[in-house]
């Protein structure tokens, strides 16, 4: 994570789970380690452990494993959704690996977790982007997830902007 941004002093269980989700998805993509092996490793050795010299509370392990499995299972669909929300000069493959995981996890929550309010999901992943990056990446996360939120949760956020609705319909 970047030196300039940090998680709040006492982050909630789901926020800690989301941080673990990003790290686990990154490990799965970079090392090609099986999903269940990474989940088991995180459950045993990482979730709720020390991070950058600070000990954090317990993460929501059920939420963690559900999101990691869901993103892994739906990755092609999520990448397609993200690609539709990116500007024409960007591709999912061109994004930084951590940024891809943030967008995939956020897109998954918007698409498959109606129990999580859209604004909460968007803001949580925006905060994680700010914790990992000091540059314009957080604006990209906000823009992409906001566009997806309007498409996936129109009752919550209102109709999608015209150009996005045309691409996804």
Protein backbone atom coordinates (compact mmCIF):
# COMPACT_ATOMS: atom_id res chain seq x y z
CA UNK A 1 0.00 0.00 0.00
CA UNK A 2 1.12 3.54 -0.56
CA UNK A 3 2.85 5.41 2.23
CA UNK A 4 0.50 8.39 1.91
CA UNK A 5 -2.77 6.54 2.48
CA UNK A 6 -3.78 4.03 5.07
CA UNK A 7 -6.77 2.16 6.32
CA UNK A 8 -8.70 3.81 9.17
CA UNK A 9 -7.44 3.13 12.69
CA UNK A 10 -10.18 0.55 13.33
CA UNK A 11 -11.45 -0.72 10.01
CA UNK A 12 -14.58 -2.87 10.00
CA UNK A 13 -14.66 -6.60 9.43
CA UNK A 14 -15.87 -6.30 5.84
CA UNK A 15 -13.31 -3.62 5.00
CA UNK A 16 -10.58 -5.95 6.26
CA UNK A 17 -12.12 -8.77 4.24
CA UNK A 18 -12.07 -6.59 1.12
CA UNK A 19 -8.40 -5.80 1.64
CA UNK A 20 -7.75 -9.53 1.91
CA UNK A 21 -9.85 -10.13 -1.22
CA UNK A 22 -7.65 -7.77 -3.26
CA UNK A 23 -4.47 -9.41 -1.96
CA UNK A 24 -5.80 -12.94 -2.53
CA UNK A 25 -7.01 -12.19 -6.06
CA UNK A 26 -3.64 -10.64 -6.86
CA UNK A 27 -1.86 -13.76 -5.59
CA UNK A 28 -4.17 -16.02 -7.60
CA UNK A 29 -3.54 -14.06 -10.80
CA UNK A 30 0.22 -13.59 -10.40
CA UNK A 31 1.11 -17.07 -9.13
CA UNK A 32 -1.70 -19.14 -10.67
CA UNK A 33 -2.23 -20.72 -7.24
CA UNK A 34 -5.61 -22.51 -6.99
CA UNK A 35 -8.40 -20.41 -5.47
CA UNK A 36 -9.12 -22.79 -2.59
CA UNK A 37 -5.43 -22.97 -1.64
CA UNK A 38 -5.18 -19.18 -1.46
CA UNK A 39 -8.39 -18.93 0.57
CA UNK A 40 -7.09 -21.54 3.03
CA UNK A 41 -3.75 -19.72 3.33
CA UNK A 42 -5.43 -16.38 4.00
CA UNK A 43 -7.82 -17.89 6.55
CA UNK A 44 -4.97 -19.55 8.43
CA UNK A 45 -2.21 -16.96 8.21
CA UNK A 46 -3.28 -13.55 6.95
CA UNK A 47 -6.80 -12.41 7.78
CA UNK A 48 -6.83 -10.58 11.10
CA UNK A 49 -3.05 -10.63 11.33
CA UNK A 50 -0.50 -7.83 11.55
CA UNK A 51 -0.33 -5.42 8.61
CA UNK A 52 2.46 -2.86 8.21
CA UNK A 53 3.27 -3.14 11.92
CA UNK A 54 -0.35 -2.73 13.06
CA UNK A 55 -2.58 -5.51 14.30
CA UNK A 56 -6.09 -5.31 12.89
CA UNK A 57 -9.26 -6.97 14.08
CA UNK A 58 -10.77 -10.04 12.54
CA UNK A 59 -11.93 -9.87 8.95
CA UNK A 60 -15.31 -11.25 7.90
CA UNK A 61 -14.02 -14.60 6.65
CA UNK A 62 -17.33 -15.70 5.09
CA UNK A 63 -17.56 -12.48 3.11
CA UNK A 64 -13.88 -12.83 2.11
CA UNK A 65 -14.26 -16.37 0.79
CA UNK A 66 -17.56 -15.60 -0.97
CA UNK A 67 -16.09 -12.64 -2.85
CA UNK A 68 -12.82 -14.41 -3.76
CA UNK A 69 -14.72 -17.45 -5.08
CA UNK A 70 -17.28 -15.29 -6.85
CA UNK A 71 -14.73 -13.09 -8.59
CA UNK A 72 -12.71 -16.14 -9.62
CA UNK A 73 -15.79 -17.90 -10.98
CA UNK A 74 -17.15 -14.84 -12.84
CA UNK A 75 -13.85 -13.31 -13.94
CA UNK A 76 -14.57 -13.35 -17.72
CA UNK A 77 -18.00 -11.74 -17.19
CA UNK A 78 -16.58 -9.17 -14.77
CA UNK A 79 -13.77 -8.28 -17.17
CA UNK A 80 -16.33 -7.78 -19.93
CA UNK A 81 -18.37 -5.45 -17.70
CA UNK A 82 -15.26 -3.51 -16.69
CA UNK A 83 -14.11 -3.23 -20.31
CA UNK A 84 -17.48 -1.74 -21.27
CA UNK A 85 -17.12 0.86 -18.49
CA UNK A 86 -13.54 1.84 -19.40
CA UNK A 87 -12.79 4.59 -21.88
CA UNK A 88 -11.95 3.40 -25.38
CA UNK A 89 -8.19 3.84 -24.93
CA UNK A 90 -8.02 1.39 -21.99
CA UNK A 91 -8.33 -2.38 -21.75
CA UNK A 92 -8.63 -4.55 -18.67
CA UNK A 93 -5.31 -6.21 -19.52
CA UNK A 94 -3.56 -2.83 -19.63
CA UNK A 95 -4.54 -2.01 -16.04
CA UNK A 96 -2.17 -2.54 -13.13
CA UNK A 97 -2.72 -6.00 -11.57
CA UNK A 98 -3.88 -4.58 -8.21
CA UNK A 99 -6.20 -2.15 -9.98
CA UNK A 100 -7.74 -5.06 -11.93
CA UNK A 101 -8.47 -6.89 -8.69
CA UNK A 102 -10.07 -3.80 -7.11
CA UNK A 103 -12.32 -3.33 -10.13
CA UNK A 104 -13.20 -7.03 -10.36
CA UNK A 105 -14.13 -7.25 -6.69
CA UNK A 106 -16.15 -4.03 -6.86
CA UNK A 107 -17.93 -5.18 -10.01
CA UNK A 108 -18.70 -8.53 -8.37
CA UNK A 109 -20.26 -6.87 -5.33
CA UNK A 110 -22.34 -4.59 -7.54
CA UNK A 111 -23.48 -7.51 -9.71
CA UNK A 112 -23.91 -10.32 -7.18
CA UNK A 113 -24.24 -8.84 -3.69
CA UNK A 114 -27.53 -6.92 -3.52
CA UNK A 115 -27.22 -7.04 0.29
CA UNK A 116 -24.36 -4.51 -0.04
CA UNK A 117 -25.64 -1.04 -0.98
CA UNK A 118 -24.12 0.15 -4.26
CA UNK A 119 -22.67 3.33 -2.75
CA UNK A 120 -21.05 1.32 0.05
CA UNK A 121 -19.39 -1.05 -2.43
CA UNK A 122 -18.18 1.83 -4.60
CA UNK A 123 -16.84 3.81 -1.63
CA UNK A 124 -15.12 0.80 -0.07
CA UNK A 125 -13.21 -0.02 -3.24
CA UNK A 126 -12.47 3.66 -3.83
CA UNK A 127 -10.90 3.79 -0.35
CA UNK A 128 -8.85 0.68 -1.12
CA UNK A 129 -7.65 2.23 -4.37
CA UNK A 130 -6.55 5.30 -2.40
CA UNK A 131 -4.71 3.03 0.05
CA UNK A 132 -2.79 1.30 -2.76
CA UNK A 133 -2.25 4.22 -5.16
CA UNK A 134 -1.38 7.89 -4.85
CA UNK A 135 -2.16 8.86 -8.46
CA UNK A 136 -5.24 8.99 -10.68
CA UNK A 137 -6.14 5.32 -10.16
CA UNK A 138 -8.75 6.15 -7.51
CA UNK A 139 -10.59 8.38 -10.00
CA UNK A 140 -10.57 5.50 -12.49
CA UNK A 141 -12.00 3.12 -9.85
CA UNK A 142 -14.68 5.65 -8.92
CA UNK A 143 -15.64 6.27 -12.55
CA UNK A 144 -15.76 2.61 -13.60
CA UNK A 145 -17.65 1.40 -10.53
CA UNK A 146 -20.06 4.33 -10.69
CA UNK A 147 -20.83 3.53 -14.36
CA UNK A 148 -21.32 -0.14 -13.50
CA UNK A 149 -23.48 0.77 -10.51
CA UNK A 150 -25.85 2.76 -12.74
CA UNK A 151 -26.14 -0.20 -15.13
CA UNK A 152 -26.36 -2.96 -12.51
CA UNK A 153 -28.34 -1.11 -9.83
CA UNK A 154 -30.53 1.44 -11.63
CA UNK A 155 -33.16 1.35 -8.86
CA UNK A 156 -30.51 2.44 -6.35
CA UNK A 157 -28.41 4.83 -8.42
CA UNK A 158 -30.61 5.90 -11.31
CA UNK A 159 -30.40 4.99 -14.97
CA UNK A 160 -27.06 4.52 -16.66
CA UNK A 161 -25.61 7.39 -18.65
CA UNK A 162 -26.67 7.05 -22.30
CA UNK A 163 -23.32 5.90 -23.73
CA UNK A 164 -22.89 3.12 -21.15
CA UNK A 165 -26.48 1.92 -21.47
CA UNK A 166 -26.08 1.65 -25.24
CA UNK A 167 -22.88 -0.42 -24.91
CA UNK A 168 -24.31 -2.88 -22.39
CA UNK A 169 -27.74 -3.35 -23.96
